[in-house]
N, C-alpha and C. Protein backbone atom coordinates (compact mmCIF):
# COMPACT_ATOMS: atom_id res chain seq x y z
N MET A 1 -13.16 -46.72 -25.14
CA MET A 1 -13.84 -45.47 -25.10
C MET A 1 -14.12 -45.19 -24.62
N LYS A 2 -15.01 -45.89 -23.33
CA LYS A 2 -15.35 -45.12 -21.99
C LYS A 2 -14.09 -44.63 -21.32
N THR A 3 -12.97 -45.08 -21.08
CA THR A 3 -12.15 -44.96 -20.57
C THR A 3 -11.78 -43.78 -21.31
N ARG A 4 -11.50 -43.46 -22.44
CA ARG A 4 -11.37 -42.08 -22.97
C ARG A 4 -12.05 -41.04 -22.78
N TRP A 5 -13.53 -41.26 -22.71
CA TRP A 5 -14.30 -40.32 -22.15
C TRP A 5 -14.24 -39.69 -20.47
N MET A 6 -13.98 -41.19 -20.02
CA MET A 6 -13.50 -40.70 -18.24
C MET A 6 -12.43 -39.74 -18.26
N VAL A 7 -11.06 -40.22 -18.79
CA VAL A 7 -10.07 -39.28 -18.67
C VAL A 7 -10.31 -37.88 -19.17
N MET A 8 -10.70 -37.70 -20.24
CA MET A 8 -11.32 -36.37 -20.23
C MET A 8 -12.13 -35.65 -19.38
N SER A 9 -13.09 -36.34 -18.87
CA SER A 9 -13.99 -35.70 -18.10
C SER A 9 -13.18 -35.10 -16.88
N LEU A 10 -12.56 -36.50 -16.54
CA LEU A 10 -11.58 -35.92 -15.23
C LEU A 10 -10.77 -34.74 -15.29
N SER A 11 -10.24 -34.58 -16.66
CA SER A 11 -9.14 -33.85 -16.95
C SER A 11 -9.73 -32.55 -17.53
N ALA A 12 -10.83 -32.06 -17.68
CA ALA A 12 -11.84 -31.13 -17.86
C ALA A 12 -12.00 -30.78 -16.71
N ALA A 13 -12.48 -31.92 -15.42
CA ALA A 13 -13.02 -30.93 -13.93
C ALA A 13 -11.72 -30.49 -13.32
N LEU A 14 -10.68 -31.37 -13.45
CA LEU A 14 -9.42 -30.93 -12.89
C LEU A 14 -9.03 -29.41 -13.60
N MET A 15 -9.20 -29.37 -14.54
CA MET A 15 -8.59 -27.96 -15.08
C MET A 15 -9.64 -26.73 -14.90
N LEU A 16 -11.04 -27.10 -14.87
CA LEU A 16 -12.01 -26.28 -14.29
C LEU A 16 -11.31 -25.67 -12.52
N ALA A 17 -11.08 -27.07 -11.70
CA ALA A 17 -11.17 -26.41 -10.16
C ALA A 17 -9.98 -25.86 -10.31
N VAL A 18 -8.76 -25.83 -11.22
CA VAL A 18 -7.44 -25.02 -10.90
C VAL A 18 -7.78 -23.86 -11.34
N GLY A 19 -8.59 -23.78 -12.53
CA GLY A 19 -8.83 -22.39 -13.17
C GLY A 19 -9.56 -21.68 -11.70
N LEU A 20 -10.18 -22.19 -11.36
CA LEU A 20 -11.46 -21.43 -10.37
C LEU A 20 -10.38 -20.79 -9.34
N GLN A 21 -9.37 -21.70 -8.59
CA GLN A 21 -8.73 -21.82 -7.49
C GLN A 21 -7.78 -20.32 -7.90
N ALA A 22 -7.39 -20.51 -9.13
CA ALA A 22 -6.26 -19.62 -9.78
C ALA A 22 -7.16 -17.90 -9.73
N ALA A 23 -8.39 -18.08 -9.94
CA ALA A 23 -9.38 -16.87 -10.11
C ALA A 23 -9.40 -16.25 -8.56
N LYS A 24 -9.90 -17.12 -7.78
CA LYS A 24 -10.16 -16.95 -6.09
C LYS A 24 -8.78 -16.33 -5.48
N GLU A 25 -7.43 -16.85 -5.78
CA GLU A 25 -6.25 -16.31 -5.35
C GLU A 25 -6.23 -14.92 -5.80
N GLU A 26 -6.56 -14.72 -7.05
CA GLU A 26 -6.09 -13.39 -7.75
C GLU A 26 -7.23 -12.50 -7.30
N SER A 27 -8.42 -12.59 -7.10
CA SER A 27 -9.06 -11.51 -6.69
C SER A 27 -8.71 -11.44 -4.81
N SER A 28 -8.60 -12.32 -4.40
CA SER A 28 -8.31 -11.39 -3.20
C SER A 28 -7.13 -11.08 -2.90
N SER A 29 -5.86 -11.46 -3.29
CA SER A 29 -4.83 -10.46 -3.41
C SER A 29 -5.15 -8.97 -4.15
N LYS A 30 -6.00 -8.79 -4.99
CA LYS A 30 -6.57 -7.52 -5.60
C LYS A 30 -7.38 -6.74 -4.33
N GLU A 31 -7.82 -7.60 -4.07
CA GLU A 31 -8.55 -6.87 -2.48
C GLU A 31 -8.49 -6.84 -1.42
N LYS A 32 -7.46 -6.35 -1.29
CA LYS A 32 -6.56 -6.27 0.02
C LYS A 32 -7.24 -5.55 1.14
N GLU A 33 -7.51 -5.97 2.48
CA GLU A 33 -7.91 -5.71 3.13
C GLU A 33 -7.87 -4.18 3.75
N PHE A 34 -8.32 -2.63 3.52
CA PHE A 34 -8.06 -1.75 4.12
C PHE A 34 -8.20 -1.72 5.27
N LYS A 35 -7.05 -1.32 5.64
CA LYS A 35 -6.67 -1.09 7.52
C LYS A 35 -6.30 0.14 7.58
N ALA A 36 -7.05 1.06 8.32
CA ALA A 36 -6.34 2.30 9.07
C ALA A 36 -7.34 2.62 10.10
N THR A 37 -6.70 3.49 10.94
CA THR A 37 -7.41 4.09 11.97
C THR A 37 -8.00 5.80 11.93
N CYS A 38 -9.19 5.77 12.16
CA CYS A 38 -9.73 7.29 12.01
C CYS A 38 -9.05 8.21 13.17
N PRO A 39 -8.12 9.27 12.49
CA PRO A 39 -7.65 10.08 13.33
C PRO A 39 -8.45 10.95 14.62
N VAL A 40 -9.45 10.87 13.86
CA VAL A 40 -10.20 11.69 15.21
C VAL A 40 -11.23 10.61 16.15
N SER A 41 -11.42 9.52 16.02
CA SER A 41 -12.23 9.09 16.43
C SER A 41 -11.33 7.89 17.03
N GLY A 42 -10.54 7.24 16.61
CA GLY A 42 -9.93 6.51 17.00
C GLY A 42 -10.37 5.03 16.41
N LYS A 43 -11.48 4.63 15.84
CA LYS A 43 -12.05 3.59 15.27
C LYS A 43 -11.51 3.23 13.69
N PRO A 44 -11.69 1.85 13.32
CA PRO A 44 -11.48 1.51 11.74
C PRO A 44 -11.96 2.70 11.07
N ALA A 45 -11.13 3.25 10.20
CA ALA A 45 -11.44 4.12 9.04
C ALA A 45 -11.77 3.29 7.59
N GLY A 46 -12.58 3.92 6.99
CA GLY A 46 -13.22 3.33 5.37
C GLY A 46 -12.87 4.27 4.63
N GLU A 47 -12.75 3.70 3.23
CA GLU A 47 -12.20 4.46 2.11
C GLU A 47 -13.45 5.51 1.62
N ASP A 48 -14.58 5.49 2.09
CA ASP A 48 -15.85 6.33 1.84
C ASP A 48 -15.72 7.49 2.42
N HIS A 49 -14.87 7.86 3.51
CA HIS A 49 -14.52 9.46 4.17
C HIS A 49 -13.37 9.66 3.64
N VAL A 50 -13.06 10.29 3.07
CA VAL A 50 -11.47 10.70 3.05
C VAL A 50 -11.25 12.18 2.57
N VAL A 51 -10.41 12.99 3.28
CA VAL A 51 -9.81 14.09 2.29
C VAL A 51 -8.73 14.18 1.94
N LYS A 52 -8.57 14.96 0.74
CA LYS A 52 -6.85 14.85 0.48
C LYS A 52 -6.81 16.29 0.92
N LEU A 53 -5.30 16.27 1.21
CA LEU A 53 -4.30 17.24 1.34
C LEU A 53 -3.61 18.05 0.55
N LYS A 54 -3.10 18.87 0.83
CA LYS A 54 -2.47 19.98 -0.36
C LYS A 54 -1.46 19.41 -0.86
N ASN A 55 -1.20 18.30 -0.31
CA ASN A 55 0.51 17.76 -0.68
C ASN A 55 0.24 16.45 -0.90
N GLY A 56 -1.34 16.06 -1.49
CA GLY A 56 -1.95 14.91 -2.23
C GLY A 56 -2.49 13.52 -1.51
N GLU A 57 -1.76 13.77 -0.45
CA GLU A 57 -1.89 12.64 0.98
C GLU A 57 -3.07 12.66 1.36
N LYS A 58 -3.99 11.31 1.37
CA LYS A 58 -5.05 11.19 1.58
C LYS A 58 -5.32 10.69 3.46
N VAL A 59 -6.31 11.44 4.09
CA VAL A 59 -6.54 10.92 5.38
C VAL A 59 -7.85 10.59 5.33
N TYR A 60 -8.13 9.26 5.69
CA TYR A 60 -9.39 8.29 5.60
C TYR A 60 -10.01 8.18 7.20
N PHE A 61 -11.33 8.54 7.20
CA PHE A 61 -12.01 8.27 8.55
C PHE A 61 -13.38 7.56 8.39
N CYS A 62 -13.70 7.61 9.52
CA CYS A 62 -14.87 6.32 9.76
C CYS A 62 -16.47 7.00 9.29
N CYS A 63 -16.73 7.94 9.37
CA CYS A 63 -18.16 8.65 9.39
C CYS A 63 -17.85 9.91 8.84
N ASP A 64 -19.24 10.35 8.60
CA ASP A 64 -19.23 11.69 7.73
C ASP A 64 -18.64 12.83 9.15
N ASN A 65 -18.94 12.66 10.08
CA ASN A 65 -18.73 13.77 11.13
C ASN A 65 -16.88 13.99 11.18
N CYS A 66 -16.58 13.09 11.28
CA CYS A 66 -15.03 12.91 11.57
C CYS A 66 -13.88 13.95 10.72
N PRO A 67 -14.41 14.11 9.42
CA PRO A 67 -13.84 15.59 8.76
C PRO A 67 -14.17 16.47 9.20
N LYS A 68 -15.36 16.79 9.37
CA LYS A 68 -15.75 18.04 9.76
C LYS A 68 -14.86 18.57 11.31
N ALA A 69 -14.70 17.67 11.98
CA ALA A 69 -13.67 17.89 13.06
C ALA A 69 -12.57 18.35 12.76
N PHE A 70 -11.86 17.30 11.93
CA PHE A 70 -10.62 17.31 11.61
C PHE A 70 -10.47 18.78 10.91
N ALA A 71 -11.34 19.25 9.91
CA ALA A 71 -11.18 20.57 9.26
C ALA A 71 -11.22 21.91 10.38
N LYS A 72 -11.89 21.45 11.14
CA LYS A 72 -11.76 22.57 12.46
C LYS A 72 -10.40 22.68 12.84
N SER A 73 -9.49 21.50 12.93
CA SER A 73 -8.22 22.03 13.73
C SER A 73 -7.49 20.72 13.34
N PRO A 74 -6.70 21.14 12.05
CA PRO A 74 -6.22 19.81 11.58
C PRO A 74 -5.15 19.17 12.12
N LYS A 75 -4.25 20.60 13.23
CA LYS A 75 -2.91 20.08 13.31
C LYS A 75 -3.41 19.33 14.73
N LYS A 76 -4.12 19.50 15.64
CA LYS A 76 -4.36 18.74 16.48
C LYS A 76 -4.54 17.26 16.33
N PHE A 77 -4.62 16.59 15.07
CA PHE A 77 -4.60 15.33 14.75
C PHE A 77 -3.47 14.94 14.02
N ASP A 78 -2.23 15.72 13.82
CA ASP A 78 -1.25 15.65 13.18
C ASP A 78 -0.49 14.16 13.88
N THR A 79 -0.26 13.70 14.69
CA THR A 79 0.38 12.56 14.92
C THR A 79 -0.46 11.03 14.84
N GLN A 80 -2.10 11.59 14.94
CA GLN A 80 -2.52 10.53 14.24
C GLN A 80 -2.74 10.43 12.75
N VAL A 81 -2.80 11.29 11.89
CA VAL A 81 -2.61 11.36 10.70
C VAL A 81 -1.33 10.89 10.06
N HIS A 82 -0.24 11.38 10.87
CA HIS A 82 0.87 10.22 10.68
C HIS A 82 0.97 8.90 10.84
N ARG A 83 0.00 8.63 11.80
CA ARG A 83 0.31 6.82 12.28
C ARG A 83 -0.60 6.36 10.87
N GLN A 84 -1.88 7.62 10.44
CA GLN A 84 -2.38 6.95 9.35
C GLN A 84 -1.63 6.68 7.88
N LEU A 85 -0.59 7.35 7.55
CA LEU A 85 0.03 7.70 6.89
C LEU A 85 0.59 6.57 6.47
N LEU A 86 1.23 5.56 8.13
CA LEU A 86 1.99 4.58 7.48
C LEU A 86 1.15 3.31 7.54
N GLU A 87 -0.20 3.40 7.98
CA GLU A 87 -0.87 2.29 7.82
C GLU A 87 -1.47 1.65 6.75
N THR A 88 -1.72 3.02 5.57
CA THR A 88 -1.91 3.12 4.52
C THR A 88 -0.99 3.13 3.38
N ALA A 89 0.31 2.82 3.96
CA ALA A 89 1.69 3.08 3.05
C ALA A 89 2.05 4.33 2.41
N GLN A 90 1.29 5.50 2.51
CA GLN A 90 1.95 6.73 1.94
C GLN A 90 2.89 7.05 2.35
N VAL A 91 3.67 6.56 3.25
CA VAL A 91 4.46 6.94 4.22
C VAL A 91 5.35 5.15 4.40
N LYS A 92 6.83 5.50 4.33
CA LYS A 92 7.39 4.23 4.58
C LYS A 92 8.52 4.57 5.86
N GLN A 93 8.73 3.52 6.78
CA GLN A 93 9.88 3.77 7.83
C GLN A 93 11.03 3.28 6.94
N VAL A 94 11.99 4.63 6.93
CA VAL A 94 13.37 4.29 6.95
C VAL A 94 14.39 4.25 8.01
N ALA A 95 14.28 4.70 8.98
CA ALA A 95 15.00 4.96 10.39
C ALA A 95 14.06 4.94 11.56
N CYS A 96 15.13 4.77 12.62
CA CYS A 96 14.20 5.00 13.96
C CYS A 96 13.95 5.97 14.25
N PRO A 97 12.75 5.94 14.71
CA PRO A 97 11.85 7.55 15.09
C PRO A 97 12.45 8.15 15.98
N LEU A 98 13.24 7.33 16.74
CA LEU A 98 13.63 8.09 18.59
C LEU A 98 15.24 8.72 17.78
N THR A 99 16.00 8.11 17.26
CA THR A 99 17.63 8.45 16.83
C THR A 99 17.97 8.74 15.40
N GLY A 100 17.05 8.08 14.33
CA GLY A 100 17.31 8.14 13.07
C GLY A 100 18.11 7.37 12.20
N LYS A 101 18.90 6.26 13.40
CA LYS A 101 19.40 5.14 13.19
C LYS A 101 18.76 4.25 12.30
N PRO A 102 19.68 3.25 11.64
CA PRO A 102 18.61 2.00 10.95
C PRO A 102 18.26 1.37 11.93
N VAL A 103 17.20 0.89 11.39
CA VAL A 103 15.90 -0.21 12.08
C VAL A 103 16.84 -1.38 11.95
N ASP A 104 16.24 -1.99 13.55
CA ASP A 104 16.67 -3.22 13.94
C ASP A 104 15.37 -4.37 13.44
N LYS A 105 15.17 -5.31 12.43
CA LYS A 105 13.87 -5.54 12.45
C LYS A 105 13.14 -6.46 13.58
N SER A 106 14.32 -6.70 14.67
CA SER A 106 14.12 -7.60 16.04
C SER A 106 13.35 -6.55 16.86
N THR A 107 13.08 -5.60 16.42
CA THR A 107 12.55 -4.52 17.58
C THR A 107 11.02 -3.92 16.80
N LEU A 108 10.42 -4.81 15.52
CA LEU A 108 8.90 -4.48 15.07
C LEU A 108 8.44 -4.40 16.03
N THR A 109 7.47 -3.19 16.38
CA THR A 109 6.46 -3.09 17.31
C THR A 109 4.87 -2.99 16.89
N GLU A 110 3.91 -3.37 16.98
CA GLU A 110 2.64 -3.25 16.46
C GLU A 110 2.09 -1.86 16.94
N VAL A 111 1.73 -0.77 16.10
CA VAL A 111 1.59 0.50 16.49
C VAL A 111 0.15 0.31 15.66
N GLY A 112 -1.28 0.55 16.22
CA GLY A 112 -2.25 0.62 15.26
C GLY A 112 -2.27 -0.68 14.42
N THR A 113 -2.92 -0.52 13.34
CA THR A 113 -2.57 -1.60 12.37
C THR A 113 -1.45 -2.02 11.59
N THR A 114 -0.54 -1.29 12.26
CA THR A 114 1.27 -1.56 10.97
C THR A 114 2.02 -1.48 12.04
N LYS A 115 3.31 -1.97 11.91
CA LYS A 115 4.36 -1.93 12.52
C LYS A 115 5.51 -0.85 12.53
N VAL A 116 6.03 -0.84 13.69
CA VAL A 116 6.86 0.25 13.38
C VAL A 116 8.46 -0.22 14.52
N GLY A 117 9.57 0.08 13.68
CA GLY A 117 10.79 -0.95 14.22
C GLY A 117 11.75 0.55 14.85
N PHE A 118 12.58 0.06 15.71
CA PHE A 118 13.32 0.94 16.45
C PHE A 118 15.06 0.44 16.20
N CYS A 119 16.14 1.28 16.43
CA CYS A 119 17.61 0.94 16.13
C CYS A 119 17.71 -0.08 17.13
N CYS A 120 17.56 -0.20 18.35
CA CYS A 120 18.11 -1.09 19.22
C CYS A 120 16.91 -1.51 20.16
N ASP A 121 17.33 -2.19 21.20
CA ASP A 121 16.23 -2.57 22.38
C ASP A 121 16.22 -1.43 23.39
N LYS A 122 17.05 -0.33 23.68
CA LYS A 122 17.15 0.54 24.55
C LYS A 122 16.03 1.46 23.80
N CYS A 123 15.61 1.86 22.53
CA CYS A 123 14.93 2.95 22.03
C CYS A 123 13.39 1.74 22.45
N GLU A 124 13.78 0.65 21.93
CA GLU A 124 12.32 -0.03 21.58
C GLU A 124 11.53 -0.43 23.37
N ALA A 125 12.67 -0.24 24.36
CA ALA A 125 12.17 0.12 25.42
C ALA A 125 11.67 0.97 25.95
N LYS A 126 12.11 2.11 25.67
CA LYS A 126 11.79 3.62 26.10
C LYS A 126 10.43 3.76 25.56
N TYR A 127 10.03 3.17 24.27
CA TYR A 127 8.82 3.24 23.86
C TYR A 127 7.82 2.57 24.74
N ASN A 128 7.98 1.15 24.62
CA ASN A 128 7.25 0.38 25.61
C ASN A 128 6.84 0.84 26.82
N ALA A 129 7.78 1.64 27.40
CA ALA A 129 7.64 2.19 28.98
C ALA A 129 6.52 3.21 28.86
N ALA A 130 6.32 4.16 27.23
CA ALA A 130 5.91 5.12 27.72
C ALA A 130 4.36 4.78 27.56
N SER A 131 3.32 5.83 27.97
CA SER A 131 1.84 5.95 27.86
C SER A 131 1.30 5.94 26.37
N ASP A 132 0.14 5.93 26.45
CA ASP A 132 -0.28 5.38 24.73
C ASP A 132 -0.33 6.71 24.37
N GLU A 133 -0.37 7.97 24.72
CA GLU A 133 -0.34 9.58 23.99
C GLU A 133 1.18 9.51 23.42
N GLU A 134 1.78 9.38 24.87
CA GLU A 134 3.42 9.35 24.82
C GLU A 134 4.14 8.77 23.49
N LYS A 135 3.65 7.28 23.24
CA LYS A 135 4.24 6.45 22.41
C LYS A 135 3.48 7.20 21.08
N LEU A 136 2.66 8.00 20.71
CA LEU A 136 1.98 7.93 19.38
C LEU A 136 3.14 9.46 19.18
N LYS A 137 3.22 10.24 20.10
CA LYS A 137 4.26 11.34 20.00
C LYS A 137 5.86 11.01 19.77
N MET A 138 6.13 10.12 20.28
CA MET A 138 7.37 9.37 20.06
C MET A 138 7.68 9.10 18.66
N VAL A 139 6.88 8.65 18.15
CA VAL A 139 6.96 8.07 17.33
C VAL A 139 6.45 8.21 15.74
N PHE A 140 5.22 9.47 16.10
CA PHE A 140 4.94 10.15 14.92
C PHE A 140 4.66 11.53 14.86
N SER A 141 5.27 12.25 15.94
CA SER A 141 4.97 13.56 16.14
C SER A 141 5.95 14.13 14.56
N ASN A 142 6.00 15.45 14.41
CA ASN A 142 6.64 16.08 13.13
C ASN A 142 7.87 15.59 13.16
N ALA A 143 8.57 15.93 14.37
CA ALA A 143 10.04 15.70 14.53
C ALA A 143 10.67 14.22 13.82
N ALA A 144 9.69 13.18 14.56
CA ALA A 144 9.72 11.98 14.24
C ALA A 144 9.39 11.72 12.92
N MET A 145 8.60 12.45 12.23
CA MET A 145 8.24 12.15 10.93
C MET A 145 9.75 12.42 9.50
N LYS A 146 10.07 13.55 10.06
CA LYS A 146 10.98 13.96 9.46
C LYS A 146 12.15 13.02 9.42
N LYS A 147 12.63 12.56 10.49
CA LYS A 147 13.83 11.32 10.97
C LYS A 147 14.06 10.57 10.28
N ALA A 148 12.64 9.42 10.85
CA ALA A 148 12.50 8.36 10.22
C ALA A 148 11.08 7.83 8.79
N PHE A 149 10.74 8.79 8.49
CA PHE A 149 9.24 8.39 7.20
C PHE A 149 10.11 9.01 6.23
N LYS A 150 9.47 8.40 5.13
CA LYS A 150 9.53 8.98 3.53
C LYS A 150 8.18 8.87 2.92
N ARG A 151 8.21 9.28 2.05
CA ARG A 151 6.93 9.62 1.29
C ARG A 151 7.22 7.83 0.40
N THR A 152 6.04 7.18 0.04
CA THR A 152 6.35 6.42 -0.97
C THR A 152 6.14 6.82 -2.34
N ASP A 153 6.76 6.14 -3.42
CA ASP A 153 6.76 6.61 -4.72
C ASP A 153 5.24 6.37 -5.02
N ALA A 154 4.22 5.69 -4.35
CA ALA A 154 3.03 5.72 -5.02
C ALA A 154 2.55 6.91 -4.40
N SER A 155 2.93 7.78 -3.25
CA SER A 155 2.28 9.12 -3.07
C SER A 155 2.61 10.06 -3.75
N LYS A 156 3.87 10.03 -4.45
CA LYS A 156 4.53 10.98 -5.01
C LYS A 156 4.15 11.10 -6.38
N GLU A 157 3.71 9.63 -6.95
CA GLU A 157 3.23 9.30 -8.46
C GLU A 157 1.67 9.94 -8.28
N GLU A 158 0.82 10.01 -7.07
CA GLU A 158 -0.49 10.08 -6.93
C GLU A 158 -0.49 12.15 -7.00
N LYS A 159 0.60 12.39 -6.42
CA LYS A 159 1.10 14.19 -6.17
C LYS A 159 0.97 14.67 -8.05
N LYS A 160 1.97 14.00 -8.74
CA LYS A 160 2.10 14.41 -9.84
C LYS A 160 0.76 13.88 -10.86
N LYS A 161 -0.14 13.20 -10.24
CA LYS A 161 -0.99 12.67 -11.33
C LYS A 161 -2.12 14.13 -11.27
N ASP A 162 -2.27 14.63 -10.10
CA ASP A 162 -3.41 15.45 -9.40
C ASP A 162 -2.86 16.36 -10.37
N LYS A 163 -1.58 16.82 -10.24
CA LYS A 163 -1.06 18.39 -10.86
C LYS A 163 -1.64 18.35 -12.20
N LYS A 164 -1.02 17.23 -12.78
CA LYS A 164 -1.29 17.15 -14.44
C LYS A 164 -3.01 17.46 -14.56
N ASP A 165 -4.05 16.69 -14.11
CA ASP A 165 -5.39 16.91 -13.69
C ASP A 165 -5.62 18.40 -13.83
N ALA A 166 -5.26 19.10 -13.13
CA ALA A 166 -5.46 20.36 -12.26
C ALA A 166 -5.04 21.22 -13.71
N ALA A 167 -4.10 20.93 -14.48
CA ALA A 167 -3.83 21.50 -15.25
C ALA A 167 -4.88 21.54 -16.91
């Protein structure tokens, strides 16, 4: 009889431990760490300071003052906003930003809190030889965005939802 109680107690403790571990893993996967760079200050951006653009994309900032600076001259921050769109998975890379050719995964390079790939070692070397400002322009200019990045399904779905909500 004592053995039965001991086995039942150990089984219950084991089930509880497994359940707690599963719950912990589920909550940590739900709480993905938000990583984005403020387009105005270059500091880490948060989800509390956000501006929604006309096309449905969201731009995140580090404080209350940065959206004001952005509103005064949004074009000035195009490249930084484009970088953030990749960081927040509102766009995905589909080609080399320099040539438009398919990406070679061995060329993935850190850019802000995300990675960008190139089609070949020559494009990667050209990027690596550039200044920080030139790097941003190479990868996130309007021309590079048209050539190498596409809106994600999630951002398209949000845009449709916004249109329904407005109706």
